[in-house]
């Protein structure tokens, strides 16, 4: 059945004609519906094929630019 409902809870990736959803959180990471590519200040590019990624805004993450919840220690 090609149109059978899926048990996969992940949202469908956006089509090229649809905008990406970005969720801003006060005192937290920026959530971006993936997959994503992030260009860093030094020009290198990192990517993730996850259905949603959390981008660090506090720069405390050991996995920068990905959030590792280090902001919770001092929030």
Protein backbone atom coordinates (compact mmCIF):
# COMPACT_ATOMS: atom_id res chain seq x y z
CA UNK A 1 0.00 0.00 0.00
CA UNK A 2 1.81 3.13 -1.13
CA UNK A 3 -0.45 5.54 0.79
CA UNK A 4 -0.62 3.65 4.08
CA UNK A 5 -0.14 5.81 7.20
CA UNK A 6 3.33 5.70 8.71
CA UNK A 7 4.19 5.06 12.35
CA UNK A 8 7.23 7.33 11.94
CA UNK A 9 6.70 10.38 14.26
CA UNK A 10 9.18 12.54 12.34
CA UNK A 11 7.71 15.36 10.27
CA UNK A 12 8.08 15.24 6.52
CA UNK A 13 11.13 17.19 5.32
CA UNK A 14 10.15 20.50 3.74
CA UNK A 15 9.91 20.66 -0.02
CA UNK A 16 12.23 23.14 -1.76
CA UNK A 17 9.29 25.54 -2.21
CA UNK A 18 8.47 25.47 1.53
CA UNK A 19 10.35 27.44 4.18
CA UNK A 20 12.24 25.64 6.95
CA UNK A 21 10.68 25.91 10.40
CA UNK A 22 12.96 27.55 12.98
CA UNK A 23 11.84 27.74 16.60
CA UNK A 24 13.36 30.37 18.88
CA UNK A 25 13.50 29.72 22.64
CA UNK A 26 14.35 32.32 25.26
CA UNK A 27 17.51 31.18 27.10
CA UNK A 28 17.79 28.05 24.99
CA UNK A 29 18.84 26.71 21.61
CA UNK A 30 17.39 27.48 18.21
CA UNK A 31 15.45 24.46 16.93
CA UNK A 32 15.62 23.89 13.17
CA UNK A 33 13.70 21.27 11.22
CA UNK A 34 16.36 19.28 9.38
CA UNK A 35 18.26 18.12 7.58
CA UNK A 36 20.58 21.13 7.84
CA UNK A 37 23.99 22.41 6.84
CA UNK A 38 25.60 25.06 9.05
CA UNK A 39 28.44 27.27 7.84
CA UNK A 40 30.71 28.25 10.73
CA UNK A 41 32.63 31.51 11.12
CA UNK A 42 35.83 29.92 9.80
CA UNK A 43 34.05 28.82 6.62
CA UNK A 44 33.81 25.12 7.47
CA UNK A 45 30.46 23.41 7.02
CA UNK A 46 28.89 20.85 9.35
CA UNK A 47 25.71 18.96 8.58
CA UNK A 48 23.07 16.85 10.25
CA UNK A 49 20.43 14.67 8.66
CA UNK A 50 18.29 14.53 11.82
CA UNK A 51 14.65 15.60 11.52
CA UNK A 52 15.22 18.43 14.05
CA UNK A 53 18.46 19.92 15.38
CA UNK A 54 19.19 22.27 18.27
CA UNK A 55 21.71 25.00 17.48
CA UNK A 56 23.67 26.41 20.42
CA UNK A 57 23.27 30.14 21.09
CA UNK A 58 25.26 30.40 24.34
CA UNK A 59 28.54 28.96 22.95
CA UNK A 60 29.01 26.75 26.04
CA UNK A 61 28.38 23.55 24.09
CA UNK A 62 31.29 21.16 23.69
CA UNK A 63 29.65 20.06 20.44
CA UNK A 64 29.19 23.59 19.00
CA UNK A 65 27.25 24.47 16.86
CA UNK A 66 25.01 21.66 18.16
CA UNK A 67 23.44 22.25 21.57
CA UNK A 68 24.41 19.79 24.32
CA UNK A 69 22.26 21.55 26.99
CA UNK A 70 25.29 23.18 28.66
CA UNK A 71 23.20 26.36 28.95
CA UNK A 72 21.17 24.68 31.70
CA UNK A 73 24.13 24.72 34.12
CA UNK A 74 24.13 28.53 34.40
CA UNK A 75 20.62 29.48 33.33
